[in-house]
């Protein structure tokens, strides 16, 4: 298995938030549940759900990083509590 070098070059690292898009297939029942959730919680969308899920999974598996924690907490708790 190929190892990735995750060291950051300070010259190339920017303070801008980067977004990387990817395409994935979801099982029909997972897609349906996600759609129902978004309909009941309009302050959430499919992107926010996936970001929170991936960040939560990585944190549960022991990957700890300040930016990851901010992303997870931001997605989980920046809710509109009136809904």
Protein backbone atom coordinates (compact mmCIF):
# COMPACT_ATOMS: atom_id res chain seq x y z
CA UNK A 1 0.00 0.00 0.00
CA UNK A 2 1.35 3.43 -0.94
CA UNK A 3 2.17 5.80 1.92
CA UNK A 4 1.32 9.45 1.56
CA UNK A 5 3.60 12.18 2.79
CA UNK A 6 1.31 14.49 4.76
CA UNK A 7 3.99 16.97 5.81
CA UNK A 8 3.04 20.50 4.87
CA UNK A 9 5.50 22.85 3.22
CA UNK A 10 5.05 26.21 5.01
CA UNK A 11 5.71 28.02 1.73
CA UNK A 12 2.84 26.21 0.00
CA UNK A 13 0.40 26.19 2.92
CA UNK A 14 -2.20 28.92 2.71
CA UNK A 15 -4.75 30.12 5.23
CA UNK A 16 -7.60 29.75 2.75
CA UNK A 17 -10.15 27.04 3.36
CA UNK A 18 -9.83 24.54 0.55
CA UNK A 19 -12.72 22.48 -0.78
CA UNK A 20 -12.22 19.25 -2.66
CA UNK A 21 -15.15 17.69 -4.48
CA UNK A 22 -15.60 13.99 -4.97
CA UNK A 23 -18.27 11.75 -6.39
CA UNK A 24 -19.54 8.73 -4.51
CA UNK A 25 -22.42 6.34 -4.76
CA UNK A 26 -24.75 5.91 -1.80
CA UNK A 27 -27.03 3.01 -1.07
CA UNK A 28 -30.62 3.91 -1.79
CA UNK A 29 -31.78 3.66 1.83
CA UNK A 30 -28.92 5.90 3.02
CA UNK A 31 -29.73 8.49 0.35
CA UNK A 32 -33.42 8.33 1.30
CA UNK A 33 -32.64 8.81 5.01
CA UNK A 34 -30.36 11.73 4.21
CA UNK A 35 -33.08 13.34 2.07
CA UNK A 36 -35.69 12.94 4.82
CA UNK A 37 -33.30 14.40 7.39
CA UNK A 38 -32.60 17.46 5.23
CA UNK A 39 -36.33 17.97 4.66
CA UNK A 40 -36.94 17.95 8.44
CA UNK A 41 -33.85 20.06 9.22
CA UNK A 42 -33.56 22.82 6.59
CA UNK A 43 -30.40 24.25 8.17
CA UNK A 44 -28.58 21.04 7.13
CA UNK A 45 -27.69 19.94 3.60
CA UNK A 46 -26.05 16.86 2.10
CA UNK A 47 -22.61 18.48 2.21
CA UNK A 48 -22.83 19.40 5.87
CA UNK A 49 -24.01 15.87 6.73
CA UNK A 50 -21.13 14.24 4.85
CA UNK A 51 -18.55 16.62 6.32
CA UNK A 52 -19.80 15.95 9.86
CA UNK A 53 -19.92 12.19 9.24
CA UNK A 54 -16.40 11.96 7.79
CA UNK A 55 -14.92 14.22 10.47
CA UNK A 56 -16.70 12.25 13.21
CA UNK A 57 -15.50 8.94 11.79
CA UNK A 58 -11.89 10.13 11.61
CA UNK A 59 -12.02 11.45 15.16
CA UNK A 60 -13.47 8.16 16.43
CA UNK A 61 -10.65 6.29 14.70
CA UNK A 62 -8.05 8.33 16.56
CA UNK A 63 -7.12 11.03 14.05
CA UNK A 64 -6.90 14.23 16.06
CA UNK A 65 -6.29 17.53 14.37
CA UNK A 66 -7.39 21.02 15.41
CA UNK A 67 -8.86 21.86 11.98
CA UNK A 68 -10.75 18.55 11.87
CA UNK A 69 -12.16 19.17 15.33
CA UNK A 70 -13.27 22.67 14.33
CA UNK A 71 -14.98 21.31 11.22
CA UNK A 72 -16.78 18.60 13.19
CA UNK A 73 -17.90 20.86 16.02
CA UNK A 74 -18.87 23.62 13.60
CA UNK A 75 -21.05 21.27 11.59
CA UNK A 76 -22.63 19.65 14.61
CA UNK A 77 -23.41 22.70 16.71
CA UNK A 78 -24.00 25.61 14.34
CA UNK A 79 -27.62 24.62 14.19
CA UNK A 80 -30.67 26.82 14.18
CA UNK A 81 -32.16 25.71 17.51
CA UNK A 82 -35.61 27.04 16.59
CA UNK A 83 -36.15 24.01 14.29
